Amino acid sequence: MHYVTKASYVGDYRLSIEFENQEVRVVDLEPHLDGPVFEPLRELEFFKRFSVNQDIDTVVWPNDADFSPDFLYEIGVRITEQPHTPGDQRIVSS
Protein backbone atom coordinates (compact mmCIF):
# COMPACT_ATOMS: atom_id res chain seq x y z
CA MET A 1 0.00 0.00 0.00
CA HIS A 2 1.31 3.41 -0.96
CA TYR A 3 0.75 6.82 0.50
CA VAL A 4 1.36 10.37 -0.71
CA THR A 5 3.92 12.52 1.11
CA LYS A 6 4.14 15.55 -1.23
CA ALA A 7 2.39 16.88 -4.32
CA SER A 8 2.92 19.81 -6.65
CA TYR A 9 1.15 21.16 -9.71
CA VAL A 10 2.88 20.42 -13.04
CA GLY A 11 0.44 21.76 -15.63
CA ASP A 12 -2.95 21.04 -17.14
CA TYR A 13 -4.42 18.26 -14.96
CA ARG A 14 -1.06 16.80 -13.97
CA LEU A 15 0.48 16.57 -10.53
CA SER A 16 3.95 15.54 -9.45
CA ILE A 17 3.46 13.23 -6.48
CA GLU A 18 6.05 11.87 -4.08
CA PHE A 19 5.21 8.62 -2.35
CA GLU A 20 6.40 7.07 0.92
CA ASN A 21 9.21 5.23 -0.92
CA GLN A 22 10.60 8.61 -2.17
CA GLU A 23 9.52 7.71 -5.70
CA VAL A 24 8.13 10.65 -7.66
CA ARG A 25 5.50 10.08 -10.33
CA VAL A 26 3.69 12.48 -12.64
CA VAL A 27 -0.02 11.75 -12.60
CA ASP A 28 -2.40 12.95 -15.33
CA LEU A 29 -5.88 13.02 -13.83
CA GLU A 30 -7.76 14.51 -16.79
CA PRO A 31 -9.13 11.15 -18.04
CA HIS A 32 -10.38 10.37 -14.52
CA LEU A 33 -12.45 13.48 -13.78
CA ASP A 34 -15.87 11.89 -14.25
CA GLY A 35 -18.89 11.82 -11.98
CA PRO A 36 -20.41 14.35 -9.61
CA VAL A 37 -17.49 14.47 -7.16
CA PHE A 38 -14.79 14.91 -9.80
CA GLU A 39 -16.60 17.16 -12.33
CA PRO A 40 -15.71 20.37 -10.37
CA LEU A 41 -12.02 19.49 -10.82
CA ARG A 42 -12.40 20.08 -14.58
CA GLU A 43 -12.28 23.80 -13.76
CA LEU A 44 -8.51 24.26 -13.77
CA GLU A 45 -8.40 26.92 -11.05
CA PHE A 46 -10.34 24.59 -8.75
CA PHE A 47 -8.10 21.65 -9.70
CA LYS A 48 -5.07 23.66 -8.54
CA ARG A 49 -6.56 24.00 -5.04
CA PHE A 50 -5.49 20.50 -3.96
CA SER A 51 -3.60 19.66 -0.80
CA VAL A 52 -2.10 16.56 0.77
CA ASN A 53 -4.23 15.28 3.62
CA GLN A 54 -1.88 13.58 6.10
CA ASP A 55 -4.81 11.84 7.83
CA ILE A 56 -5.75 9.84 4.74
CA ASP A 57 -2.34 10.03 2.99
CA THR A 58 -3.53 11.28 -0.38
CA VAL A 59 -4.32 14.37 -2.44
CA VAL A 60 -7.67 16.04 -1.70
CA TRP A 61 -9.68 19.00 -2.99
CA PRO A 62 -11.95 21.47 -1.15
CA ASN A 63 -15.08 19.52 -2.19
CA ASP A 64 -13.65 16.38 -0.48
CA ALA A 65 -12.76 14.72 -3.79
CA ASP A 66 -9.77 12.40 -3.50
CA PHE A 67 -8.12 9.48 -5.26
CA SER A 68 -6.70 6.36 -3.66
CA PRO A 69 -2.90 6.69 -3.28
CA ASP A 70 -2.50 3.22 -4.82
CA PHE A 71 -4.49 4.38 -7.87
CA LEU A 72 -2.33 7.51 -8.18
CA TYR A 73 0.81 5.37 -7.97
CA GLU A 74 -0.50 2.94 -10.57
CA ILE A 75 -1.42 5.57 -13.17
CA GLY A 76 1.65 7.73 -12.52
CA VAL A 77 4.70 7.90 -14.75
CA ARG A 78 7.91 7.55 -12.77
CA ILE A 79 10.45 10.38 -12.85
CA THR A 80 13.93 8.90 -13.11
CA GLU A 81 15.91 11.99 -12.07
CA GLN A 82 15.21 15.13 -10.13
CA PRO A 83 15.19 18.15 -12.45
CA HIS A 84 18.32 20.27 -12.79
CA THR A 85 16.36 23.21 -14.11
CA PRO A 86 12.63 23.92 -14.12
CA GLY A 87 10.86 21.75 -16.68
CA ASP A 88 13.88 19.43 -17.07
CA GLN A 89 12.46 16.18 -15.75
CA ARG A 90 13.17 12.80 -17.23
CA ILE A 91 10.32 10.40 -17.06
CA VAL A 92 10.00 6.75 -17.95
CA SER A 93 6.93 4.61 -18.27
CA SER A 94 6.43 2.08 -15.60
PDB file of N, CA and C in Angstrom:
ATOM      1  N   MET A   1       0.837  -1.181   0.000  1.00  0.00           N
ATOM      2  CA  MET A   1       0.000   0.000   0.000  1.00  0.00           C
ATOM      3  C   MET A   1       0.881   1.242   0.000  1.00  0.00           C
ATOM      4  N   HIS A   2       0.537   2.178  -0.857  1.00  0.00           N
ATOM      5  CA  HIS A   2       1.314   3.410  -0.960  1.00  0.00           C
ATOM      6  C   HIS A   2       0.595   4.551  -0.268  1.00  0.00           C
ATOM      7  N   TYR A   3       1.367   5.597   0.025  1.00  0.00           N
ATOM      8  CA  TYR A   3       0.753   6.824   0.502  1.00  0.00           C
ATOM      9  C   TYR A   3       1.534   8.024  -0.004  1.00  0.00           C
ATOM     10  N   VAL A   4       0.821   9.132  -0.143  1.00  0.00           N
ATOM     11  CA  VAL A   4       1.360  10.367  -0.705  1.00  0.00           C
ATOM     12  C   VAL A   4       2.017  11.182   0.410  1.00  0.00           C
ATOM     13  N   THR A   5       3.247  11.659   0.139  1.00  0.00           N
ATOM     14  CA  THR A   5       3.924  12.520   1.112  1.00  0.00           C
ATOM     15  C   THR A   5       4.004  13.974   0.646  1.00  0.00           C
ATOM     16  N   LYS A   6       4.061  14.195  -0.675  1.00  0.00           N
ATOM     17  CA  LYS A   6       4.136  15.548  -1.232  1.00  0.00           C
ATOM     18  C   LYS A   6       3.455  15.558  -2.591  1.00  0.00           C
ATOM     19  N   ALA A   7       2.973  16.736  -2.983  1.00  0.00           N
ATOM     20  CA  ALA A   7       2.391  16.884  -4.317  1.00  0.00           C
ATOM     21  C   ALA A   7       2.577  18.315  -4.781  1.00  0.00           C
ATOM     22  N   SER A   8       2.802  18.469  -6.074  1.00  0.00           N
ATOM     23  CA  SER A   8       2.916  19.807  -6.654  1.00  0.00           C
ATOM     24  C   SER A   8       2.256  19.807  -8.027  1.00  0.00           C
ATOM     25  N   TYR A   9       1.822  20.984  -8.430  1.00  0.00           N
ATOM     26  CA  TYR A   9       1.151  21.156  -9.709  1.00  0.00           C
ATOM     27  C   TYR A   9       2.190  21.197 -10.822  1.00  0.00           C
ATOM     28  N   VAL A  10       1.948  20.455 -11.907  1.00  0.00           N
ATOM     29  CA  VAL A  10       2.877  20.417 -13.038  1.00  0.00           C
ATOM     30  C   VAL A  10       2.335  21.218 -14.206  1.00  0.00           C
ATOM     31  N   GLY A  11       1.064  21.075 -14.493  1.00  0.00           N
ATOM     32  CA  GLY A  11       0.441  21.756 -15.627  1.00  0.00           C
ATOM     33  C   GLY A  11      -0.774  20.975 -16.075  1.00  0.00           C
ATOM     34  N   ASP A  12      -1.697  21.650 -16.724  1.00  0.00           N
ATOM     35  CA  ASP A  12      -2.955  21.037 -17.140  1.00  0.00           C
ATOM     36  C   ASP A  12      -3.566  20.316 -15.938  1.00  0.00           C
ATOM     37  N   TYR A  13      -3.839  19.039 -16.061  1.00  0.00           N
ATOM     38  CA  TYR A  13      -4.419  18.259 -14.964  1.00  0.00           C
ATOM     39  C   TYR A  13      -3.406  17.256 -14.421  1.00  0.00           C
ATOM     40  N   ARG A  14      -2.145  17.674 -14.418  1.00  0.00           N
ATOM     41  CA  ARG A  14      -1.060  16.797 -13.974  1.00  0.00           C
ATOM     42  C   ARG A  14      -0.462  17.276 -12.652  1.00  0.00           C
ATOM     43  N   LEU A  15      -0.172  16.309 -11.800  1.00  0.00           N
ATOM     44  CA  LEU A  15       0.485  16.568 -10.525  1.00  0.00           C
ATOM     45  C   LEU A  15       1.756  15.739 -10.442  1.00  0.00           C
ATOM     46  N   SER A  16       2.754  16.294  -9.797  1.00  0.00           N
ATOM     47  CA  SER A  16       3.952  15.542  -9.450  1.00  0.00           C
ATOM     48  C   SER A  16       3.752  15.088  -8.010  1.00  0.00           C
ATOM     49  N   ILE A  17       3.770  13.779  -7.801  1.00  0.00           N
ATOM     50  CA  ILE A  17       3.457  13.230  -6.483  1.00  0.00           C
ATOM     51  C   ILE A  17       4.625  12.397  -5.979  1.00  0.00           C
ATOM     52  N   GLU A  18       5.023  12.683  -4.733  1.00  0.00           N
ATOM     53  CA  GLU A  18       6.051  11.875  -4.083  1.00  0.00           C
ATOM     54  C   GLU A  18       5.353  10.912  -3.130  1.00  0.00           C
ATOM     55  N   PHE A  19       5.793   9.657  -3.185  1.00  0.00           N
ATOM     56  CA  PHE A  19       5.207   8.616  -2.348  1.00  0.00           C
ATOM     57  C   PHE A  19       6.153   8.264  -1.198  1.00  0.00           C
ATOM     58  N   GLU A  20       5.664   7.426  -0.290  1.00  0.00           N
ATOM     59  CA  GLU A  20       6.400   7.071   0.921  1.00  0.00           C
ATOM     60  C   GLU A  20       7.760   6.456   0.622  1.00  0.00           C
ATOM     61  N   ASN A  21       7.940   5.864  -0.545  1.00  0.00           N
ATOM     62  CA  ASN A  21       9.210   5.234  -0.917  1.00  0.00           C
ATOM     63  C   ASN A  21      10.154   6.220  -1.621  1.00  0.00           C
ATOM     64  N   GLN A  22       9.855   7.508  -1.551  1.00  0.00           N
ATOM     65  CA  GLN A  22      10.598   8.611  -2.174  1.00  0.00           C
ATOM     66  C   GLN A  22      10.527   8.591  -3.693  1.00  0.00           C
ATOM     67  N   GLU A  23       9.705   7.736  -4.248  1.00  0.00           N
ATOM     68  CA  GLU A  23       9.522   7.713  -5.700  1.00  0.00           C
ATOM     69  C   GLU A  23       8.584   8.847  -6.089  1.00  0.00           C
ATOM     70  N   VAL A  24       8.947   9.548  -7.165  1.00  0.00           N
ATOM     71  CA  VAL A  24       8.128  10.648  -7.661  1.00  0.00           C
ATOM     72  C   VAL A  24       7.516  10.227  -8.988  1.00  0.00           C
ATOM     73  N   ARG A  25       6.215  10.426  -9.105  1.00  0.00           N
ATOM     74  CA  ARG A  25       5.497  10.084 -10.329  1.00  0.00           C
ATOM     75  C   ARG A  25       4.649  11.268 -10.768  1.00  0.00           C
ATOM     76  N   VAL A  26       4.576  11.464 -12.078  1.00  0.00           N
ATOM     77  CA  VAL A  26       3.690  12.480 -12.641  1.00  0.00           C
ATOM     78  C   VAL A  26       2.381  11.779 -12.976  1.00  0.00           C
ATOM     79  N   VAL A  27       1.299  12.338 -12.454  1.00  0.00           N
ATOM     80  CA  VAL A  27      -0.022  11.750 -12.598  1.00  0.00           C
ATOM     81  C   VAL A  27      -0.902  12.685 -13.418  1.00  0.00           C
ATOM     82  N   ASP A  28      -1.458  12.181 -14.502  1.00  0.00           N
ATOM     83  CA  ASP A  28      -2.399  12.948 -15.331  1.00  0.00           C
ATOM     84  C   ASP A  28      -3.809  12.497 -14.961  1.00  0.00           C
ATOM     85  N   LEU A  29      -4.548  13.377 -14.312  1.00  0.00           N
ATOM     86  CA  LEU A  29      -5.880  13.019 -13.831  1.00  0.00           C
ATOM     87  C   LEU A  29      -7.005  13.385 -14.790  1.00  0.00           C
ATOM     88  N   GLU A  30      -6.700  14.067 -15.880  1.00  0.00           N
ATOM     89  CA  GLU A  30      -7.757  14.507 -16.791  1.00  0.00           C
ATOM     90  C   GLU A  30      -8.695  13.376 -17.222  1.00  0.00           C
ATOM     91  N   PRO A  31      -8.207  12.204 -17.604  1.00  0.00           N
ATOM     92  CA  PRO A  31      -9.129  11.147 -18.036  1.00  0.00           C
ATOM     93  C   PRO A  31      -9.993  10.573 -16.908  1.00  0.00           C
ATOM     94  N   HIS A  32      -9.711  10.957 -15.667  1.00  0.00           N
ATOM     95  CA  HIS A  32     -10.383  10.366 -14.516  1.00  0.00           C
ATOM     96  C   HIS A  32     -11.323  11.329 -13.794  1.00  0.00           C
ATOM     97  N   LEU A  33     -11.610  12.469 -14.418  1.00  0.00           N
ATOM     98  CA  LEU A  33     -12.447  13.482 -13.779  1.00  0.00           C
ATOM     99  C   LEU A  33     -13.903  13.336 -14.202  1.00  0.00           C
ATOM    100  N   ASP A  34     -14.484  12.181 -13.928  1.00  0.00           N
ATOM    101  CA  ASP A  34     -15.873  11.889 -14.253  1.00  0.00           C
ATOM    102  C   ASP A  34     -16.688  11.768 -12.978  1.00  0.00           C
ATOM    103  N   GLY A  35     -17.979  11.994 -13.101  1.00  0.00           N
ATOM    104  CA  GLY A  35     -18.887  11.818 -11.981  1.00  0.00           C
ATOM    105  C   GLY A  35     -19.046  13.079 -11.164  1.00  0.00           C
ATOM    106  N   PRO A  36     -20.067  13.131 -10.329  1.00  0.00           N
ATOM    107  CA  PRO A  36     -20.409  14.351  -9.606  1.00  0.00           C
ATOM    108  C   PRO A  36     -19.305  14.883  -8.690  1.00  0.00           C
ATOM    109  N   VAL A  37     -18.535  14.009  -8.072  1.00  0.00           N
ATOM    110  CA  VAL A  37     -17.486  14.472  -7.159  1.00  0.00           C
ATOM    111  C   VAL A  37     -16.305  15.068  -7.920  1.00  0.00           C
ATOM    112  N   PHE A  38     -15.982  14.492  -9.077  1.00  0.00           N
ATOM    113  CA  PHE A  38     -14.788  14.910  -9.803  1.00  0.00           C
ATOM    114  C   PHE A  38     -15.039  15.963 -10.872  1.00  0.00           C
ATOM    115  N   GLU A  39     -16.282  16.154 -11.298  1.00  0.00           N
ATOM    116  CA  GLU A  39     -16.596  17.164 -12.326  1.00  0.00           C
ATOM    117  C   GLU A  39     -16.082  18.560 -11.960  1.00  0.00           C
ATOM    118  N   PRO A  40     -16.218  19.032 -10.707  1.00  0.00           N
ATOM    119  CA  PRO A  40     -15.707  20.367 -10.373  1.00  0.00           C
ATOM    120  C   PRO A  40     -14.198  20.531 -10.630  1.00  0.00           C
ATOM    121  N   LEU A  41     -13.464  19.424 -10.605  1.00  0.00           N
ATOM    122  CA  LEU A  41     -12.022  19.486 -10.821  1.00  0.00           C
ATOM    123  C   LEU A  41     -11.671  19.813 -12.270  1.00  0.00           C
ATOM    124  N   ARG A  42     -12.647  19.723 -13.173  1.00  0.00           N
ATOM    125  CA  ARG A  42     -12.402  20.082 -14.577  1.00  0.00           C
ATOM    126  C   ARG A  42     -12.158  21.586 -14.734  1.00  0.00           C
ATOM    127  N   GLU A  43     -12.613  22.379 -13.761  1.00  0.00           N
ATOM    128  CA  GLU A  43     -12.281  23.805 -13.756  1.00  0.00           C
ATOM    129  C   GLU A  43     -10.852  23.905 -13.233  1.00  0.00           C
ATOM    130  N   LEU A  44      -9.940  24.324 -14.083  1.00  0.00           N
ATOM    131  CA  LEU A  44      -8.512  24.261 -13.775  1.00  0.00           C
ATOM    132  C   LEU A  44      -8.142  25.011 -12.495  1.00  0.00           C
ATOM    133  N   GLU A  45      -8.732  26.165 -12.265  1.00  0.00           N
ATOM    134  CA  GLU A  45      -8.398  26.917 -11.049  1.00  0.00           C
ATOM    135  C   GLU A  45      -8.810  26.146  -9.800  1.00  0.00           C
ATOM    136  N   PHE A  46      -9.922  25.427  -9.878  1.00  0.00           N
ATOM    137  CA  PHE A  46     -10.343  24.594  -8.755  1.00  0.00           C
ATOM    138  C   PHE A  46      -9.406  23.390  -8.613  1.00  0.00           C
ATOM    139  N   PHE A  47      -9.016  22.795  -9.722  1.00  0.00           N
ATOM    140  CA  PHE A  47      -8.102  21.651  -9.702  1.00  0.00           C
ATOM    141  C   PHE A  47      -6.805  22.005  -8.963  1.00  0.00           C
ATOM    142  N   LYS A  48      -6.326  23.225  -9.158  1.00  0.00           N
ATOM    143  CA  LYS A  48      -5.072  23.664  -8.544  1.00  0.00           C
ATOM    144  C   LYS A  48      -5.167  23.845  -7.035  1.00  0.00           C
ATOM    145  N   ARG A  49      -6.360  23.761  -6.480  1.00  0.00           N
ATOM    146  CA  ARG A  49      -6.558  24.003  -5.043  1.00  0.00           C
ATOM    147  C   ARG A  49      -6.435  22.725  -4.206  1.00  0.00           C
ATOM    148  N   PHE A  50      -5.703  21.758  -4.673  1.00  0.00           N
ATOM    149  CA  PHE A  50      -5.494  20.497  -3.956  1.00  0.00           C
ATOM    150  C   PHE A  50      -4.555  20.694  -2.771  1.00  0.00           C
ATOM    151  N   SER A  51      -4.571  19.729  -1.897  1.00  0.00           N
ATOM    152  CA  SER A  51      -3.602  19.664  -0.801  1.00  0.00           C
ATOM    153  C   SER A  51      -3.374  18.191  -0.472  1.00  0.00           C
ATOM    154  N   VAL A  52      -2.345  17.923   0.311  1.00  0.00           N
ATOM    155  CA  VAL A  52      -2.098  16.559   0.774  1.00  0.00           C
ATOM    156  C   VAL A  52      -2.692  16.446   2.178  1.00  0.00           C
ATOM    157  N   ASN A  53      -3.611  15.530   2.336  1.00  0.00           N
ATOM    158  CA  ASN A  53      -4.231  15.282   3.625  1.00  0.00           C
ATOM    159  C   ASN A  53      -3.440  14.174   4.319  1.00  0.00           C
ATOM    160  N   GLN A  54      -2.729  14.536   5.391  1.00  0.00           N
ATOM    161  CA  GLN A  54      -1.883  13.576   6.100  1.00  0.00           C
ATOM    162  C   GLN A  54      -2.696  12.532   6.858  1.00  0.00           C
ATOM    163  N   ASP A  55      -3.972  12.817   7.122  1.00  0.00           N
ATOM    164  CA  ASP A  55      -4.807  11.840   7.830  1.00  0.00           C
ATOM    165  C   ASP A  55      -5.179  10.658   6.942  1.00  0.00           C
ATOM    166  N   ILE A  56      -5.381  10.932   5.650  1.00  0.00           N
ATOM    167  CA  ILE A  56      -5.753   9.843   4.738  1.00  0.00           C
ATOM    168  C   ILE A  56      -4.671   9.567   3.690  1.00  0.00           C
ATOM    169  N   ASP A  57      -3.543  10.296   3.790  1.00  0.00           N
ATOM    170  CA  ASP A  57      -2.343  10.029   2.988  1.00  0.00           C
ATOM    171  C   ASP A  57      -2.564  10.101   1.489  1.00  0.00           C
ATOM    172  N   THR A  58      -3.331  11.094   1.045  1.00  0.00           N
ATOM    173  CA  THR A  58      -3.532  11.278  -0.383  1.00  0.00           C
ATOM    174  C   THR A  58      -3.836  12.738  -0.682  1.00  0.00           C
ATOM    175  N   VAL A  59      -3.997  13.025  -1.964  1.00  0.00           N
ATOM    176  CA  VAL A  59      -4.320  14.368  -2.442  1.00  0.00           C
ATOM    177  C   VAL A  59      -5.831  14.556  -2.343  1.00  0.00           C
ATOM    178  N   VAL A  60      -6.252  15.724  -1.836  1.00  0.00           N
ATOM    179  CA  VAL A  60      -7.674  16.037  -1.699  1.00  0.00           C
ATOM    180  C   VAL A  60      -7.953  17.443  -2.230  1.00  0.00           C
ATOM    181  N   TRP A  61      -9.228  17.693  -2.525  1.00  0.00           N
ATOM    182  CA  TRP A  61      -9.682  19.003  -2.993  1.00  0.00           C
ATOM    183  C   TRP A  61     -10.715  19.553  -2.016  1.00  0.00           C
ATOM    184  N   PRO A  62     -11.020  20.855  -2.099  1.00  0.00           N
ATOM    185  CA  PRO A  62     -11.953  21.475  -1.148  1.00  0.00           C
ATOM    186  C   PRO A  62     -13.352  20.845  -1.122  1.00  0.00           C
ATOM    187  N   ASN A  63     -13.759  20.167  -2.175  1.00  0.00           N
ATOM    188  CA  ASN A  63     -15.080  19.519  -2.195  1.00  0.00           C
ATOM    189  C   ASN A  63     -15.009  18.077  -1.682  1.00  0.00           C
ATOM    190  N   ASP A  64     -13.893  17.716  -1.042  1.00  0.00           N
ATOM    191  CA  ASP A  64     -13.650  16.375  -0.484  1.00  0.00           C
ATOM    192  C   ASP A  64     -13.398  15.307  -1.537  1.00  0.00           C
ATOM    193  N   ALA A  65     -13.160  15.690  -2.762  1.00  0.00           N
ATOM    194  CA  ALA A  65     -12.761  14.720  -3.791  1.00  0.00           C
ATOM    195  C   ALA A  65     -11.355  14.234  -3.459  1.00  0.00           C
ATOM    196  N   ASP A  66     -11.112  12.956  -3.668  1.00  0.00           N
ATOM    197  CA  ASP A  66      -9.767  12.400  -3.496  1.00  0.00           C
ATOM    198  C   ASP A  66      -9.649  11.120  -4.316  1.00  0.00           C
ATOM    199  N   PHE A  67      -8.425  10.725  -4.550  1.00  0.00           N
ATOM    200  CA  PHE A  67      -8.121   9.482  -5.256  1.00  0.00           C
ATOM    201  C   PHE A  67      -7.299   8.597  -4.333  1.00  0.00           C
ATOM    202  N   SER A  68      -7.487   7.311  -4.438  1.00  0.00           N
ATOM    203  CA  SER A  68      -6.696   6.364  -3.664  1.00  0.00           C
ATOM    204  C   SER A  68      -5.215   6.554  -3.993  1.00  0.00           C
ATOM    205  N   PRO A  69      -4.334   6.564  -2.989  1.00  0.00           N
ATOM    206  CA  PRO A  69      -2.903   6.694  -3.280  1.00  0.00           C
ATOM    207  C   PRO A  69      -2.372   5.543  -4.135  1.00  0.00           C
ATOM    208  N   ASP A  70      -2.930   4.345  -3.978  1.00  0.00           N
ATOM    209  CA  ASP A  70      -2.498   3.223  -4.821  1.00  0.00           C
ATOM    210  C   ASP A  70      -2.887   3.457  -6.274  1.00  0.00           C
ATOM    211  N   PHE A  71      -4.068   4.043  -6.510  1.00  0.00           N
ATOM    212  CA  PHE A  71      -4.490   4.381  -7.868  1.00  0.00           C
ATOM    213  C   PHE A  71      -3.565   5.432  -8.469  1.00  0.00           C
ATOM    214  N   LEU A  72      -3.235   6.459  -7.698  1.00  0.00           N
ATOM    215  CA  LEU A  72      -2.329   7.510  -8.182  1.00  0.00           C
ATOM    216  C   LEU A  72      -0.969   6.912  -8.539  1.00  0.00           C
ATOM    217  N   TYR A  73      -0.474   6.021  -7.706  1.00  0.00           N
ATOM    218  CA  TYR A  73       0.813   5.372  -7.971  1.00  0.00           C
ATOM    219  C   TYR A  73       0.746   4.554  -9.252  1.00  0.00           C
ATOM    220  N   GLU A  74      -0.332   3.816  -9.406  1.00  0.00           N
ATOM    221  CA  GLU A  74      -0.501   2.940 -10.572  1.00  0.00           C
ATOM    222  C   GLU A  74      -0.565   3.708 -11.886  1.00  0.00           C
ATOM    223  N   ILE A  75      -1.276   4.832 -11.914  1.00  0.00           N
ATOM    224  CA  ILE A  75      -1.421   5.574 -13.169  1.00  0.00           C
ATOM    225  C   ILE A  75      -0.279   6.562 -13.405  1.00  0.00           C
ATOM    226  N   GLY A  76       0.559   6.773 -12.406  1.00  0.00           N
ATOM    227  CA  GLY A  76       1.647   7.733 -12.524  1.00  0.00           C
ATOM    228  C   GLY A  76       2.785   7.236 -13.404  1.00  0.00           C
ATOM    229  N   VAL A  77       3.503   8.190 -13.955  1.00  0.00           N
ATOM    230  CA  VAL A  77       4.701   7.905 -14.747  1.00  0.00           C
ATOM    231  C   VAL A  77       5.899   8.300 -13.899  1.00  0.00           C
ATOM    232  N   ARG A  78       6.768   7.344 -13.656  1.00  0.00           N
ATOM    233  CA  ARG A  78       7.910   7.550 -12.766  1.00  0.00           C
ATOM    234  C   ARG A  78       8.905   8.555 -13.340  1.00  0.00           C
ATOM    235  N   ILE A  79       9.380   9.448 -12.486  1.00  0.00           N
ATOM    236  CA  ILE A  79      10.449  10.378 -12.845  1.00  0.00           C
ATOM    237  C   ILE A  79      11.756   9.716 -12.443  1.00  0.00           C
ATOM    238  N   THR A  80      12.689   9.617 -13.387  1.00  0.00           N
ATOM    239  CA  THR A  80      13.932   8.902 -13.109  1.00  0.00           C
ATOM    240  C   THR A  80      14.988   9.777 -12.452  1.00  0.00           C
ATOM    241  N   GLU A  81      14.921  11.074 -12.671  1.00  0.00           N
ATOM    242  CA  GLU A  81      15.907  11.985 -12.071  1.00  0.00           C
ATOM    243  C   GLU A  81      15.194  13.228 -11.595  1.00  0.00           C
ATOM    244  N   GLN A  82      15.733  13.836 -10.551  1.00  0.00           N
ATOM    245  CA  GLN A  82      15.208  15.126 -10.132  1.00  0.00           C
ATOM    246  C   GLN A  82      15.660  16.166 -11.158  1.00  0.00           C
ATOM    247  N   PRO A  83      14.838  17.163 -11.437  1.00  0.00           N
ATOM    248  CA  PRO A  83      15.191  18.152 -12.450  1.00  0.00           C
ATOM    249  C   PRO A  83      16.378  19.011 -12.029  1.00  0.00           C
ATOM    250  N   HIS A  84      17.190  19.353 -13.019  1.00  0.00           N
ATOM    251  CA  HIS A  84      18.317  20.265 -12.788  1.00  0.00           C
ATOM    252  C   HIS A  84      17.865  21.702 -12.970  1.00  0.00           C
ATOM    253  N   THR A  85      16.951  21.891 -13.877  1.00  0.00           N
ATOM    254  CA  THR A  85      16.364  23.211 -14.115  1.00  0.00           C
ATOM    255  C   THR A  85      14.861  23.023 -14.239  1.00  0.00           C
ATOM    256  N   PRO A  86      14.085  24.082 -14.016  1.00  0.00           N
ATOM    257  CA  PRO A  86      12.634  23.924 -14.123  1.00  0.00           C
ATOM    258  C   PRO A  86      12.237  23.341 -15.480  1.00  0.00           C
ATOM    259  N   GLY A  87      11.341  22.362 -15.444  1.00  0.00           N
ATOM    260  CA  GLY A  87      10.861  21.748 -16.679  1.00  0.00           C
ATOM    261  C   GLY A  87      11.770  20.670 -17.223  1.00  0.00           C
ATOM    262  N   ASP A  88      12.921  20.419 -16.596  1.00  0.00           N
ATOM    263  CA  ASP A  88      13.878  19.428 -17.075  1.00  0.00           C
ATOM    264  C   ASP A  88      13.748  18.149 -16.252  1.00  0.00           C
ATOM    265  N   GLN A  89      12.645  17.431 -16.449  1.00  0.00           N
ATOM    266  CA  GLN A  89      12.456  16.182 -15.749  1.00  0.00           C
ATOM    267  C   GLN A  89      12.502  15.045 -16.748  1.00  0.00           C
ATOM    268  N   ARG A  90      13.160  13.978 -16.382  1.00  0.00           N
ATOM    269  CA  ARG A  90      13.174  12.801 -17.230  1.00  0.00           C
ATOM    270  C   ARG A  90      12.173  11.829 -16.653  1.00  0.00           C
ATOM    271  N   ILE A  91      11.304  11.349 -17.524  1.00  0.00           N
ATOM    272  CA  ILE A  91      10.316  10.400 -17.057  1.00  0.00           C
ATOM    273  C   ILE A  91      10.409   9.121 -17.869  1.00  0.00           C
ATOM    274  N   VAL A  92      10.045   8.036 -17.254  1.00  0.00           N
ATOM    275  CA  VAL A  92      10.000   6.755 -17.946  1.00  0.00           C
ATOM    276  C   VAL A  92       8.667   6.114 -17.643  1.00  0.00           C
ATOM    277  N   SER A  93       8.168   5.329 -18.558  1.00  0.00           N
ATOM    278  CA  SER A  93       6.931   4.611 -18.267  1.00  0.00           C
ATOM    279  C   SER A  93       7.241   3.481 -17.323  1.00  0.00           C
ATOM    280  N   SER A  94       6.255   3.218 -16.500  1.00  0.00           N
ATOM    281  CA  SER A  94       6.425   2.080 -15.600  1.00  0.00           C
ATOM    282  C   SER A  94       5.132   1.331 -15.491  1.00  0.00           C
TER     283      SER A  94
END
